[in-house]
Amino acid sequence: MPAALRGALEVNEKDGLGVSVISCLEVARLVAYGRLTLPKPVAQWVDEALRYPHVKLIELSPEIAVDSTRLPEPFHKDPCDRIIVATARRLDTPLATTDGLIRRYAPNVKLVTS
């Protein structure tokens, strides 16, 4: 993650940092496909990351699942990205991402900016 985005997240620690359960799936998939290397087994890494102060796991609710199919178009069809965006929209909170496809989706989702 770029330093500027990390800095913006640190400033927002007082409000907490929400992590979508789908982001845990994304990390595990990246490790499984060899696109991400972690210093420890992925299950342990995710568990420790979610225990970090001010981090809150955001579960996938039925409302978020349905919202992910009703996003304003155009947006790509990746179900994980759609759920992550729908989560941010449902919670009315800025989304921190370096994903170019999601970043181009603004103004349909609020983004954390540096």
PDB file of N, CA and C in Angstrom:
ATOM      1  N   MET A   1       0.851  -1.177   0.000  1.00  0.00           N
ATOM      2  CA  MET A   1       0.000   0.000   0.000  1.00  0.00           C
ATOM      3  C   MET A   1       0.895   1.238   0.000  1.00  0.00           C
ATOM      4  N   PRO A   2       0.591   2.190  -0.838  1.00  0.00           N
ATOM      5  CA  PRO A   2       1.401   3.410  -0.887  1.00  0.00           C
ATOM      6  C   PRO A   2       1.420   4.121   0.472  1.00  0.00           C
ATOM      7  N   ALA A   3       2.532   4.761   0.783  1.00  0.00           N
ATOM      8  CA  ALA A   3       2.703   5.440   2.070  1.00  0.00           C
ATOM      9  C   ALA A   3       1.612   6.479   2.307  1.00  0.00           C
ATOM     10  N   ALA A   4       1.222   7.205   1.266  1.00  0.00           N
ATOM     11  CA  ALA A   4       0.201   8.251   1.429  1.00  0.00           C
ATOM     12  C   ALA A   4      -1.129   7.656   1.881  1.00  0.00           C
ATOM     13  N   LEU A   5      -1.488   6.497   1.335  1.00  0.00           N
ATOM     14  CA  LEU A   5      -2.742   5.851   1.726  1.00  0.00           C
ATOM     15  C   LEU A   5      -2.628   5.306   3.141  1.00  0.00           C
ATOM     16  N   ARG A   6      -1.482   4.726   3.482  1.00  0.00           N
ATOM     17  CA  ARG A   6      -1.267   4.247   4.851  1.00  0.00           C
ATOM     18  C   ARG A   6      -1.398   5.399   5.829  1.00  0.00           C
ATOM     19  N   GLY A   7      -0.831   6.551   5.475  1.00  0.00           N
ATOM     20  CA  GLY A   7      -0.912   7.719   6.340  1.00  0.00           C
ATOM     21  C   GLY A   7      -2.340   8.170   6.558  1.00  0.00           C
ATOM     22  N   ALA A   8      -3.131   8.140   5.518  1.00  0.00           N
ATOM     23  CA  ALA A   8      -4.549   8.520   5.644  1.00  0.00           C
ATOM     24  C   ALA A   8      -5.276   7.556   6.563  1.00  0.00           C
ATOM     25  N   LEU A   9      -4.939   6.280   6.497  1.00  0.00           N
ATOM     26  CA  LEU A   9      -5.575   5.287   7.369  1.00  0.00           C
ATOM     27  C   LEU A   9      -5.178   5.485   8.817  1.00  0.00           C
ATOM     28  N   GLU A  10      -3.912   5.823   9.069  1.00  0.00           N
ATOM     29  CA  GLU A  10      -3.460   6.056  10.426  1.00  0.00           C
ATOM     30  C   GLU A  10      -4.193   7.230  11.052  1.00  0.00           C
ATOM     31  N   VAL A  11      -4.437   8.268  10.281  1.00  0.00           N
ATOM     32  CA  VAL A  11      -5.166   9.427  10.777  1.00  0.00           C
ATOM     33  C   VAL A  11      -6.581   9.021  11.178  1.00  0.00           C
ATOM     34  N   ASN A  12      -7.172   8.076  10.465  1.00  0.00           N
ATOM     35  CA  ASN A  12      -8.544   7.668  10.735  1.00  0.00           C
ATOM     36  C   ASN A  12      -8.660   6.570  11.783  1.00  0.00           C
ATOM     37  N   GLU A  13      -7.560   6.206  12.469  1.00  0.00           N
ATOM     38  CA  GLU A  13      -7.611   5.147  13.466  1.00  0.00           C
ATOM     39  C   GLU A  13      -8.617   5.434  14.567  1.00  0.00           C
ATOM     40  N   LYS A  14      -8.848   6.695  14.875  1.00  0.00           N
ATOM     41  CA  LYS A  14      -9.797   7.024  15.939  1.00  0.00           C
ATOM     42  C   LYS A  14     -11.188   6.486  15.624  1.00  0.00           C
ATOM     43  N   ASP A  15     -11.540   6.389  14.347  1.00  0.00           N
ATOM     44  CA  ASP A  15     -12.838   5.873  13.948  1.00  0.00           C
ATOM     45  C   ASP A  15     -12.818   4.362  13.754  1.00  0.00           C
ATOM     46  N   GLY A  16     -11.645   3.778  13.763  1.00  0.00           N
ATOM     47  CA  GLY A  16     -11.524   2.351  13.515  1.00  0.00           C
ATOM     48  C   GLY A  16     -11.352   2.074  12.037  1.00  0.00           C
ATOM     49  N   LEU A  17     -10.929   0.867  11.752  1.00  0.00           N
ATOM     50  CA  LEU A  17     -10.703   0.438  10.382  1.00  0.00           C
ATOM     51  C   LEU A  17     -11.525  -0.817  10.153  1.00  0.00           C
ATOM     52  N   GLY A  18     -12.490  -0.740   9.271  1.00  0.00           N
ATOM     53  CA  GLY A  18     -13.313  -1.897   8.954  1.00  0.00           C
ATOM     54  C   GLY A  18     -12.680  -2.716   7.850  1.00  0.00           C
ATOM     55  N   VAL A  19     -12.696  -4.023   8.014  1.00  0.00           N
ATOM     56  CA  VAL A  19     -12.169  -4.947   7.015  1.00  0.00           C
ATOM     57  C   VAL A  19     -13.290  -5.898   6.625  1.00  0.00           C
ATOM     58  N   SER A  20     -13.664  -5.856   5.364  1.00  0.00           N
ATOM     59  CA  SER A  20     -14.701  -6.760   4.878  1.00  0.00           C
ATOM     60  C   SER A  20     -14.212  -8.200   4.930  1.00  0.00           C
ATOM     61  N   VAL A  21     -15.074  -9.087   5.331  1.00  0.00           N
ATOM     62  CA  VAL A  21     -14.727 -10.512   5.341  1.00  0.00           C
ATOM     63  C   VAL A  21     -14.289 -10.954   3.943  1.00  0.00           C
ATOM     64  N   ILE A  22     -14.805 -10.303   2.917  1.00  0.00           N
ATOM     65  CA  ILE A  22     -14.426 -10.632   1.545  1.00  0.00           C
ATOM     66  C   ILE A  22     -12.964 -10.269   1.293  1.00  0.00           C
ATOM     67  N   SER A  23     -12.449  -9.252   1.974  1.00  0.00           N
ATOM     68  CA  SER A  23     -11.033  -8.913   1.843  1.00  0.00           C
ATOM     69  C   SER A  23     -10.160 -10.041   2.388  1.00  0.00           C
ATOM     70  N   CYS A  24     -10.633 -10.737   3.407  1.00  0.00           N
ATOM     71  CA  CYS A  24      -9.898 -11.906   3.916  1.00  0.00           C
ATOM     72  C   CYS A  24      -9.831 -12.984   2.840  1.00  0.00           C
ATOM     73  N   LEU A  25     -10.925 -13.193   2.133  1.00  0.00           N
ATOM     74  CA  LEU A  25     -10.945 -14.145   1.019  1.00  0.00           C
ATOM     75  C   LEU A  25      -9.969 -13.709  -0.069  1.00  0.00           C
ATOM     76  N   GLU A  26      -9.954 -12.436  -0.382  1.00  0.00           N
ATOM     77  CA  GLU A  26      -9.060 -11.923  -1.418  1.00  0.00           C
ATOM     78  C   GLU A  26      -7.594 -12.165  -1.052  1.00  0.00           C
ATOM     79  N   VAL A  27      -7.224 -11.912   0.211  1.00  0.00           N
ATOM     80  CA  VAL A  27      -5.846 -12.157   0.650  1.00  0.00           C
ATOM     81  C   VAL A  27      -5.521 -13.647   0.524  1.00  0.00           C
ATOM     82  N   ALA A  28      -6.414 -14.489   0.986  1.00  0.00           N
ATOM     83  CA  ALA A  28      -6.173 -15.937   0.909  1.00  0.00           C
ATOM     84  C   ALA A  28      -6.032 -16.407  -0.537  1.00  0.00           C
ATOM     85  N   ARG A  29      -6.836 -15.866  -1.431  1.00  0.00           N
ATOM     86  CA  ARG A  29      -6.737 -16.231  -2.848  1.00  0.00           C
ATOM     87  C   ARG A  29      -5.407 -15.796  -3.447  1.00  0.00           C
ATOM     88  N   LEU A  30      -4.970 -14.581  -3.123  1.00  0.00           N
ATOM     89  CA  LEU A  30      -3.686 -14.091  -3.630  1.00  0.00           C
ATOM     90  C   LEU A  30      -2.531 -14.981  -3.163  1.00  0.00           C
ATOM     91  N   VAL A  31      -2.587 -15.408  -1.917  1.00  0.00           N
ATOM     92  CA  VAL A  31      -1.550 -16.307  -1.402  1.00  0.00           C
ATOM     93  C   VAL A  31      -1.633 -17.656  -2.118  1.00  0.00           C
ATOM     94  N   ALA A  32      -2.834 -18.188  -2.263  1.00  0.00           N
ATOM     95  CA  ALA A  32      -3.012 -19.489  -2.915  1.00  0.00           C
ATOM     96  C   ALA A  32      -2.517 -19.473  -4.355  1.00  0.00           C
ATOM     97  N   TYR A  33      -2.683 -18.351  -5.051  1.00  0.00           N
ATOM     98  CA  TYR A  33      -2.267 -18.248  -6.450  1.00  0.00           C
ATOM     99  C   TYR A  33      -0.820 -17.774  -6.603  1.00  0.00           C
ATOM    100  N   GLY A  34      -0.115 -17.595  -5.468  1.00  0.00           N
ATOM    101  CA  GLY A  34       1.288 -17.195  -5.525  1.00  0.00           C
ATOM    102  C   GLY A  34       1.520 -15.739  -5.865  1.00  0.00           C
ATOM    103  N   ARG A  35       0.485 -14.918  -5.767  1.00  0.00           N
ATOM    104  CA  ARG A  35       0.621 -13.493  -6.099  1.00  0.00           C
ATOM    105  C   ARG A  35       0.937 -12.639  -4.876  1.00  0.00           C
ATOM    106  N   LEU A  36       0.894 -13.251  -3.686  1.00  0.00           N
ATOM    107  CA  LEU A  36       1.201 -12.554  -2.437  1.00  0.00           C
ATOM    108  C   LEU A  36       1.920 -13.533  -1.528  1.00  0.00           C
ATOM    109  N   THR A  37       2.992 -13.064  -0.917  1.00  0.00           N
ATOM    110  CA  THR A  37       3.732 -13.882   0.039  1.00  0.00           C
ATOM    111  C   THR A  37       3.630 -13.212   1.402  1.00  0.00           C
ATOM    112  N   LEU A  38       3.245 -13.988   2.393  1.00  0.00           N
ATOM    113  CA  LEU A  38       3.125 -13.485   3.760  1.00  0.00           C
ATOM    114  C   LEU A  38       4.217 -14.121   4.618  1.00  0.00           C
ATOM    115  N   PRO A  39       4.577 -13.485   5.722  1.00  0.00           N
ATOM    116  CA  PRO A  39       5.641 -14.024   6.565  1.00  0.00           C
ATOM    117  C   PRO A  39       5.218 -15.211   7.428  1.00  0.00           C
ATOM    118  N   LYS A  40       3.949 -15.589   7.347  1.00  0.00           N
ATOM    119  CA  LYS A  40       3.415 -16.705   8.135  1.00  0.00           C
ATOM    120  C   LYS A  40       2.234 -17.299   7.395  1.00  0.00           C
ATOM    121  N   PRO A  41       1.718 -18.423   7.833  1.00  0.00           N
ATOM    122  CA  PRO A  41       0.550 -19.011   7.156  1.00  0.00           C
ATOM    123  C   PRO A  41      -0.612 -18.010   7.089  1.00  0.00           C
ATOM    124  N   VAL A  42      -1.335 -18.053   5.972  1.00  0.00           N
ATOM    125  CA  VAL A  42      -2.375 -17.045   5.728  1.00  0.00           C
ATOM    126  C   VAL A  42      -3.421 -17.009   6.836  1.00  0.00           C
ATOM    127  N   ALA A  43      -3.856 -18.150   7.359  1.00  0.00           N
ATOM    128  CA  ALA A  43      -4.871 -18.147   8.422  1.00  0.00           C
ATOM    129  C   ALA A  43      -4.360 -17.424   9.661  1.00  0.00           C
ATOM    130  N   GLN A  44      -3.111 -17.660  10.008  1.00  0.00           N
ATOM    131  CA  GLN A  44      -2.511 -16.990  11.160  1.00  0.00           C
ATOM    132  C   GLN A  44      -2.372 -15.495  10.896  1.00  0.00           C
ATOM    133  N   TRP A  45      -1.932 -15.141   9.684  1.00  0.00           N
ATOM    134  CA  TRP A  45      -1.763 -13.729   9.337  1.00  0.00           C
ATOM    135  C   TRP A  45      -3.092 -12.983   9.425  1.00  0.00           C
ATOM    136  N   VAL A  46      -4.152 -13.556   8.855  1.00  0.00           N
ATOM    137  CA  VAL A  46      -5.476 -12.917   8.894  1.00  0.00           C
ATOM    138  C   VAL A  46      -5.955 -12.776  10.330  1.00  0.00           C
ATOM    139  N   ASP A  47      -5.800 -13.842  11.124  1.00  0.00           N
ATOM    140  CA  ASP A  47      -6.224 -13.800  12.523  1.00  0.00           C
ATOM    141  C   ASP A  47      -5.514 -12.682  13.279  1.00  0.00           C
ATOM    142  N   GLU A  48      -4.207 -12.583  13.097  1.00  0.00           N
ATOM    143  CA  GLU A  48      -3.439 -11.538  13.780  1.00  0.00           C
ATOM    144  C   GLU A  48      -3.798 -10.147  13.266  1.00  0.00           C
ATOM    145  N   ALA A  49      -4.016 -10.021  11.974  1.00  0.00           N
ATOM    146  CA  ALA A  49      -4.386  -8.721  11.409  1.00  0.00           C
ATOM    147  C   ALA A  49      -5.721  -8.236  11.971  1.00  0.00           C
ATOM    148  N   LEU A  50      -6.656  -9.154  12.168  1.00  0.00           N
ATOM    149  CA  LEU A  50      -7.977  -8.769  12.672  1.00  0.00           C
ATOM    150  C   LEU A  50      -7.967  -8.477  14.171  1.00  0.00           C
ATOM    151  N   ARG A  51      -6.892  -8.842  14.846  1.00  0.00           N
ATOM    152  CA  ARG A  51      -6.769  -8.527  16.274  1.00  0.00           C
ATOM    153  C   ARG A  51      -6.024  -7.216  16.509  1.00  0.00           C
ATOM    154  N   TYR A  52      -5.589  -6.583  15.429  1.00  0.00           N
ATOM    155  CA  TYR A  52      -4.875  -5.314  15.542  1.00  0.00           C
ATOM    156  C   TYR A  52      -5.821  -4.270  16.137  1.00  0.00           C
ATOM    157  N   PRO A  53      -5.298  -3.378  17.012  1.00  0.00           N
ATOM    158  CA  PRO A  53      -6.175  -2.361  17.625  1.00  0.00           C
ATOM    159  C   PRO A  53      -6.949  -1.566  16.573  1.00  0.00           C
ATOM    160  N   HIS A  54      -8.193  -1.331  16.868  1.00  0.00           N
ATOM    161  CA  HIS A  54      -9.094  -0.506  16.056  1.00  0.00           C
ATOM    162  C   HIS A  54      -9.569  -1.185  14.772  1.00  0.00           C
ATOM    163  N   VAL A  55      -9.225  -2.443  14.546  1.00  0.00           N
ATOM    164  CA  VAL A  55      -9.669  -3.150  13.346  1.00  0.00           C
ATOM    165  C   VAL A  55     -10.948  -3.914  13.672  1.00  0.00           C
ATOM    166  N   LYS A  56     -11.940  -3.751  12.797  1.00  0.00           N
ATOM    167  CA  LYS A  56     -13.233  -4.418  12.981  1.00  0.00           C
ATOM    168  C   LYS A  56     -13.558  -5.228  11.729  1.00  0.00           C
ATOM    169  N   LEU A  57     -13.932  -6.480  11.922  1.00  0.00           N
ATOM    170  CA  LEU A  57     -14.347  -7.320  10.807  1.00  0.00           C
ATOM    171  C   LEU A  57     -15.783  -6.969  10.427  1.00  0.00           C
ATOM    172  N   ILE A  58     -16.000  -6.744   9.149  1.00  0.00           N
ATOM    173  CA  ILE A  58     -17.350  -6.441   8.660  1.00  0.00           C
ATOM    174  C   ILE A  58     -17.868  -7.687   7.955  1.00  0.00           C
ATOM    175  N   GLU A  59     -18.887  -8.275   8.514  1.00  0.00           N
ATOM    176  CA  GLU A  59     -19.475  -9.494   7.971  1.00  0.00           C
ATOM    177  C   GLU A  59     -20.263  -9.179   6.696  1.00  0.00           C
ATOM    178  N   LEU A  60     -20.475 -10.204   5.910  1.00  0.00           N
ATOM    179  CA  LEU A  60     -21.313 -10.082   4.713  1.00  0.00           C
ATOM    180  C   LEU A  60     -22.761 -10.290   5.131  1.00  0.00           C
ATOM    181  N   SER A  61     -23.549  -9.246   5.017  1.00  0.00           N
ATOM    182  CA  SER A  61     -24.974  -9.332   5.362  1.00  0.00           C
ATOM    183  C   SER A  61     -25.789  -9.598   4.104  1.00  0.00           C
ATOM    184  N   PRO A  62     -27.014 -10.075   4.283  1.00  0.00           N
ATOM    185  CA  PRO A  62     -27.885 -10.241   3.105  1.00  0.00           C
ATOM    186  C   PRO A  62     -28.096  -8.926   2.354  1.00  0.00           C
ATOM    187  N   GLU A  63     -28.170  -7.822   3.090  1.00  0.00           N
ATOM    188  CA  GLU A  63     -28.383  -6.529   2.445  1.00  0.00           C
ATOM    189  C   GLU A  63     -27.194  -6.147   1.562  1.00  0.00           C
ATOM    190  N   ILE A  64     -25.982  -6.381   2.069  1.00  0.00           N
ATOM    191  CA  ILE A  64     -24.786  -6.074   1.276  1.00  0.00           C
ATOM    192  C   ILE A  64     -24.725  -6.979   0.051  1.00  0.00           C
ATOM    193  N   ALA A  65     -25.055  -8.257   0.241  1.00  0.00           N
ATOM    194  CA  ALA A  65     -25.042  -9.194  -0.891  1.00  0.00           C
ATOM    195  C   ALA A  65     -25.981  -8.716  -1.993  1.00  0.00           C
ATOM    196  N   VAL A  66     -27.186  -8.316  -1.620  1.00  0.00           N
ATOM    197  CA  VAL A  66     -28.154  -7.833  -2.610  1.00  0.00           C
ATOM    198  C   VAL A  66     -27.680  -6.519  -3.219  1.00  0.00           C
ATOM    199  N   ASP A  67     -27.193  -5.600  -2.370  1.00  0.00           N
ATOM    200  CA  ASP A  67     -26.696  -4.316  -2.879  1.00  0.00           C
ATOM    201  C   ASP A  67     -25.602  -4.517  -3.931  1.00  0.00           C
ATOM    202  N   SER A  68     -24.771  -5.547  -3.762  1.00  0.00           N
ATOM    203  CA  SER A  68     -23.663  -5.770  -4.689  1.00  0.00           C
ATOM    204  C   SER A  68     -24.154  -6.079  -6.100  1.00  0.00           C
ATOM    205  N   THR A  69     -25.385  -6.510  -6.228  1.00  0.00           N
ATOM    206  CA  THR A  69     -25.955  -6.795  -7.551  1.00  0.00           C
ATOM    207  C   THR A  69     -26.689  -5.590  -8.128  1.00  0.00           C
ATOM    208  N   ARG A  70     -26.799  -4.524  -7.332  1.00  0.00           N
ATOM    209  CA  ARG A  70     -27.561  -3.341  -7.741  1.00  0.00           C
ATOM    210  C   ARG A  70     -26.717  -2.072  -7.772  1.00  0.00           C
ATOM    211  N   LEU A  71     -25.418  -2.216  -7.932  1.00  0.00           N
ATOM    212  CA  LEU A  71     -24.552  -1.037  -7.985  1.00  0.00           C
ATOM    213  C   LEU A  71     -24.833  -0.235  -9.250  1.00  0.00           C
ATOM    214  N   PRO A  72     -24.710   1.088  -9.159  1.00  0.00           N
ATOM    215  CA  PRO A  72     -24.863   1.893 -10.376  1.00  0.00           C
ATOM    216  C   PRO A  72     -23.851   1.441 -11.427  1.00  0.00           C
ATOM    217  N   GLU A  73     -24.300   1.253 -12.617  1.00  0.00           N
ATOM    218  CA  GLU A  73     -23.422   0.822 -13.715  1.00  0.00           C
ATOM    219  C   GLU A  73     -22.838   2.051 -14.404  1.00  0.00           C
ATOM    220  N   PRO A  74     -21.715   1.942 -15.048  1.00  0.00           N
ATOM    221  CA  PRO A  74     -20.994   0.700 -15.308  1.00  0.00           C
ATOM    222  C   PRO A  74     -20.009   0.369 -14.183  1.00  0.00           C
ATOM    223  N   PHE A  75     -19.928  -0.880 -13.856  1.00  0.00           N
ATOM    224  CA  PHE A  75     -18.927  -1.408 -12.929  1.00  0.00           C
ATOM    225  C   PHE A  75     -18.653  -2.834 -13.351  1.00  0.00           C
ATOM    226  N   HIS A  76     -17.430  -3.301 -13.125  1.00  0.00           N
ATOM    227  CA  HIS A  76     -17.083  -4.639 -13.596  1.00  0.00           C
ATOM    228  C   HIS A  76     -17.796  -5.724 -12.779  1.00  0.00           C
ATOM    229  N   LYS A  77     -17.689  -6.946 -13.212  1.00  0.00           N
ATOM    230  CA  LYS A  77     -18.508  -8.033 -12.674  1.00  0.00           C
ATOM    231  C   LYS A  77     -17.855  -8.839 -11.557  1.00  0.00           C
ATOM    232  N   ASP A  78     -16.605  -8.525 -11.157  1.00  0.00           N
ATOM    233  CA  ASP A  78     -15.941  -9.295 -10.098  1.00  0.00           C
ATOM    234  C   ASP A  78     -16.781  -9.252  -8.818  1.00  0.00           C
ATOM    235  N   PRO A  79     -17.281 -10.409  -8.360  1.00  0.00           N
ATOM    236  CA  PRO A  79     -18.177 -10.408  -7.202  1.00  0.00           C
ATOM    237  C   PRO A  79     -17.509  -9.911  -5.922  1.00  0.00           C
ATOM    238  N   CYS A  80     -16.234 -10.185  -5.737  1.00  0.00           N
ATOM    239  CA  CYS A  80     -15.553  -9.713  -4.529  1.00  0.00           C
ATOM    240  C   CYS A  80     -15.471  -8.191  -4.521  1.00  0.00           C
ATOM    241  N   ASP A  81     -15.056  -7.594  -5.627  1.00  0.00           N
ATOM    242  CA  ASP A  81     -15.000  -6.126  -5.702  1.00  0.00           C
ATOM    243  C   ASP A  81     -16.376  -5.519  -5.522  1.00  0.00           C
ATOM    244  N   ARG A  82     -17.379  -6.140  -6.092  1.00  0.00           N
ATOM    245  CA  ARG A  82     -18.742  -5.623  -5.962  1.00  0.00           C
ATOM    246  C   ARG A  82     -19.188  -5.649  -4.497  1.00  0.00           C
ATOM    247  N   ILE A  83     -18.839  -6.708  -3.778  1.00  0.00           N
ATOM    248  CA  ILE A  83     -19.215  -6.808  -2.358  1.00  0.00           C
ATOM    249  C   ILE A  83     -18.448  -5.771  -1.540  1.00  0.00           C
ATOM    250  N   ILE A  84     -17.179  -5.579  -1.824  1.00  0.00           N
ATOM    251  CA  ILE A  84     -16.385  -4.590  -1.091  1.00  0.00           C
ATOM    252  C   ILE A  84     -16.963  -3.186  -1.303  1.00  0.00           C
ATOM    253  N   VAL A  85     -17.298  -2.852  -2.535  1.00  0.00           N
ATOM    254  CA  VAL A  85     -17.889  -1.542  -2.824  1.00  0.00           C
ATOM    255  C   VAL A  85     -19.269  -1.419  -2.173  1.00  0.00           C
ATOM    256  N   ALA A  86     -20.075  -2.446  -2.278  1.00  0.00           N
ATOM    257  CA  ALA A  86     -21.409  -2.406  -1.671  1.00  0.00           C
ATOM    258  C   ALA A  86     -21.319  -2.248  -0.153  1.00  0.00           C
ATOM    259  N   THR A  87     -20.314  -2.857   0.452  1.00  0.00           N
ATOM    260  CA  THR A  87     -20.119  -2.726   1.900  1.00  0.00           C
ATOM    261  C   THR A  87     -19.831  -1.280   2.268  1.00  0.00           C
ATOM    262  N   ALA A  88     -18.905  -0.650   1.549  1.00  0.00           N
ATOM    263  CA  ALA A  88     -18.573   0.748   1.830  1.00  0.00           C
ATOM    264  C   ALA A  88     -19.787   1.653   1.625  1.00  0.00           C
ATOM    265  N   ARG A  89     -20.543   1.394   0.564  1.00  0.00           N
ATOM    266  CA  ARG A  89     -21.729   2.204   0.290  1.00  0.00           C
ATOM    267  C   ARG A  89     -22.789   1.995   1.377  1.00  0.00           C
ATOM    268  N   ARG A  90     -23.022   0.753   1.765  1.00  0.00           N
ATOM    269  CA  ARG A  90     -24.037   0.442   2.775  1.00  0.00           C
ATOM    270  C   ARG A  90     -23.688   1.103   4.109  1.00  0.00           C
ATOM    271  N   LEU A  91     -22.388   1.078   4.458  1.00  0.00           N
ATOM    272  CA  LEU A  91     -21.951   1.667   5.727  1.00  0.00           C
ATOM    273  C   LEU A  91     -21.666   3.161   5.614  1.00  0.00           C
ATOM    274  N   ASP A  92     -21.782   3.702   4.399  1.00  0.00           N
ATOM    275  CA  ASP A  92     -21.526   5.112   4.132  1.00  0.00           C
ATOM    276  C   ASP A  92     -20.166   5.531   4.687  1.00  0.00           C
ATOM    277  N   THR A  93     -19.152   4.752   4.311  1.00  0.00           N
ATOM    278  CA  THR A  93     -17.807   4.996   4.798  1.00  0.00           C
ATOM    279  C   THR A  93     -16.820   4.981   3.634  1.00  0.00           C
ATOM    280  N   PRO A  94     -15.746   5.742   3.733  1.00  0.00           N
ATOM    281  CA  PRO A  94     -14.757   5.740   2.654  1.00  0.00           C
ATOM    282  C   PRO A  94     -14.051   4.389   2.539  1.00  0.00           C
ATOM    283  N   LEU A  95     -13.696   4.044   1.336  1.00  0.00           N
ATOM    284  CA  LEU A  95     -13.040   2.782   1.016  1.00  0.00           C
ATOM    285  C   LEU A  95     -11.573   3.048   0.712  1.00  0.00           C
ATOM    286  N   ALA A  96     -10.686   2.294   1.360  1.00  0.00           N
ATOM    287  CA  ALA A  96      -9.244   2.391   1.094  1.00  0.00           C
ATOM    288  C   ALA A  96      -8.871   1.271   0.137  1.00  0.00           C
ATOM    289  N   THR A  97      -8.402   1.643  -1.035  1.00  0.00           N
ATOM    290  CA  THR A  97      -8.010   0.646  -2.025  1.00  0.00           C
ATOM    291  C   THR A  97      -7.009   1.252  -3.000  1.00  0.00           C
ATOM    292  N   THR A  98      -6.173   0.385  -3.539  1.00  0.00           N
ATOM    293  CA  THR A  98      -5.299   0.792  -4.639  1.00  0.00           C
ATOM    294  C   THR A  98      -5.800   0.199  -5.951  1.00  0.00           C
ATOM    295  N   ASP A  99      -6.891  -0.547  -5.905  1.00  0.00           N
ATOM    296  CA  ASP A  99      -7.455  -1.194  -7.092  1.00  0.00           C
ATOM    297  C   ASP A  99      -7.943  -0.131  -8.078  1.00  0.00           C
ATOM    298  N   GLY A 100      -7.338  -0.120  -9.246  1.00  0.00           N
ATOM    299  CA  GLY A 100      -7.662   0.892 -10.245  1.00  0.00           C
ATOM    300  C   GLY A 100      -9.095   0.858 -10.712  1.00  0.00           C
ATOM    301  N   LEU A 101      -9.671  -0.337 -10.861  1.00  0.00           N
ATOM    302  CA  LEU A 101     -11.064  -0.431 -11.315  1.00  0.00           C
ATOM    303  C   LEU A 101     -12.019   0.148 -10.276  1.00  0.00           C
ATOM    304  N   ILE A 102     -11.741  -0.099  -9.009  1.00  0.00           N
ATOM    305  CA  ILE A 102     -12.595   0.466  -7.960  1.00  0.00           C
ATOM    306  C   ILE A 102     -12.366   1.972  -7.872  1.00  0.00           C
ATOM    307  N   ARG A 103     -11.127   2.420  -7.952  1.00  0.00           N
ATOM    308  CA  ARG A 103     -10.844   3.857  -7.858  1.00  0.00           C
ATOM    309  C   ARG A 103     -11.518   4.628  -8.998  1.00  0.00           C
ATOM    310  N   ARG A 104     -11.611   4.025 -10.169  1.00  0.00           N
ATOM    311  CA  ARG A 104     -12.290   4.698 -11.292  1.00  0.00           C
ATOM    312  C   ARG A 104     -13.810   4.718 -11.098  1.00  0.00           C
ATOM    313  N   TYR A 105     -14.307   3.968 -10.130  1.00  0.00           N
ATOM    314  CA  TYR A 105     -15.746   3.905  -9.886  1.00  0.00           C
ATOM    315  C   TYR A 105     -16.252   5.127  -9.110  1.00  0.00           C
ATOM    316  N   ALA A 106     -15.345   5.918  -8.529  1.00  0.00           N
ATOM    317  CA  ALA A 106     -15.762   7.155  -7.884  1.00  0.00           C
ATOM    318  C   ALA A 106     -16.452   8.009  -8.948  1.00  0.00           C
ATOM    319  N   PRO A 107     -17.488   8.704  -8.672  1.00  0.00           N
ATOM    320  CA  PRO A 107     -18.039   9.086  -7.380  1.00  0.00           C
ATOM    321  C   PRO A 107     -19.109   8.129  -6.846  1.00  0.00           C
ATOM    322  N   ASN A 108     -19.210   6.941  -7.390  1.00  0.00           N
ATOM    323  CA  ASN A 108     -20.207   5.992  -6.897  1.00  0.00           C
ATOM    324  C   ASN A 108     -19.820   5.336  -5.576  1.00  0.00           C
ATOM    325  N   VAL A 109     -18.586   5.553  -5.149  1.00  0.00           N
ATOM    326  CA  VAL A 109     -18.127   5.096  -3.842  1.00  0.00           C
ATOM    327  C   VAL A 109     -17.141   6.135  -3.323  1.00  0.00           C
ATOM    328  N   LYS A 110     -17.248   6.457  -2.021  1.00  0.00           N
ATOM    329  CA  LYS A 110     -16.300   7.383  -1.405  1.00  0.00           C
ATOM    330  C   LYS A 110     -14.981   6.662  -1.211  1.00  0.00           C
ATOM    331  N   LEU A 111     -13.891   7.326  -1.538  1.00  0.00           N
ATOM    332  CA  LEU A 111     -12.569   6.715  -1.408  1.00  0.00           C
ATOM    333  C   LEU A 111     -11.733   7.459  -0.385  1.00  0.00           C
ATOM    334  N   VAL A 112     -10.884   6.712   0.330  1.00  0.00           N
ATOM    335  CA  VAL A 112      -9.882   7.341   1.179  1.00  0.00           C
ATOM    336  C   VAL A 112      -8.863   7.955   0.243  1.00  0.00           C
ATOM    337  N   THR A 113      -8.548   9.203   0.483  1.00  0.00           N
ATOM    338  CA  THR A 113      -7.555   9.877  -0.351  1.00  0.00           C
ATOM    339  C   THR A 113      -6.385  10.287   0.541  1.00  0.00           C
ATOM    340  N   SER A 114      -5.242  10.411  -0.091  1.00  0.00           N
ATOM    341  CA  SER A 114      -4.041  10.796   0.665  1.00  0.00           C
ATOM    342  C   SER A 114      -4.062  12.263   0.999  1.00  0.00           C
TER     343      SER A 114
END
